[in-house]
Amino acid sequence: MRKPGNYGPSAFTFPAYASAILAAAVLTAPCAPKAQQGDVWMKLMDGKDLTGWKYRAGNWKVDAAAGSAIGSGSISFNTFLITDSLFSDFHFKVDARMPGTGGKRNSGVVYRGKISNAANFEVGGYQADISDGFWGSFYHEQGTELPWTPVSTCSPAAKTDWATLEIIANKDKVTHLVNGKTCWEHSGFKVLDKGIIALQLHNPGDFSVEFKNVFIQPLNASFTIPADKAYDKDGKPITVVGIGLATGSGWTGHAARSGRSMGPGATGLSALSLEGLYDAAGRAMPSLMPRAGSELHLAKTGFGKDLSVR
């Protein structure tokens, strides 16, 4: 079991249900096997807006109906849609395409990157290419650790088709995949080990590129996934249906009354702590832990059936 973390005095709030239900939860906390890697993904883009990203407003917009981000517009430099967060070891995946036929049609995903020009949203870092005939190739944007390594066997059948690009960055080893096929792999990276993820619009911007279904999951416990951003491998939101509560860690819990918090100093049930969360199949999800402000909802009359995290 994962050891409980310190989530502060207002980390968990409960709606109005009988305290006996909460007490029963303590006694019947499930014991589940550890999750298989890949059970939980974090959604980086909701398809409705670009919250959580930095970008040059004149070159990026959202198509809410399609749930995609679109890059286009005349530029004299490469500009990027950039995550607010930094990532080190991870498995990243995104669906991308370049509709239409004109223009330079060159894009990619930079990872472990750094912003080099904040005004233009320019970025340097390792890159997985998205370009006609060379999907999945490696390029070091604004760097020279490795030369461009072209791959000509991973591009989608039609130039305008959607394809899924994946990047697995595990310590000094990186793998690029397109539609599930391994395209490029290298061990021994030394220069960059953590940074932003950035989606590229290549100059001169005389084409458009679209991205959707942008997900990431941690490797080597490099980050935890907020409960409200947790999705399964098929891109469906995860509803947590089990919670492990353990004694002896200095937590106390209030009887389940609306708006009352569970945390240090509360009254009622004594010495409770969060051990882990479980999905509908009973799998423990070690990378998914609620953050301060999350709400654990006990619903109906049963434990382990109708518990969700928001």
Foldseek 3Di string as FASTA:
>chain_A
DADFDAFDFFQAAEADDFLVLVVVQQVCFDDFAADDPQFKKFFQAQQQFLPQWDFDVVFWDGDSVVSKIKGFDFDPFKAWTKGPDKAFFKKKKKKKAWDDDDDQFKKWKFHLWDQPDRVRRDIFHWTQILGVQFGRWIPGRVDVPDHTGGFRPAHDPDRGDIWMWMWGHDAQKIWIHINRHTGDIDGDDDDGRMGMMIIIQGPRRHTMMMIHRIIMDGDPLRAAHAQVRIDGNVRHRFFWQGWHKDFDPQWAQERRHGPDGTGHPHDDGDGIGTRFTATLVRHTHVRYDHHGPKYWYDDDRHGSGDIGID
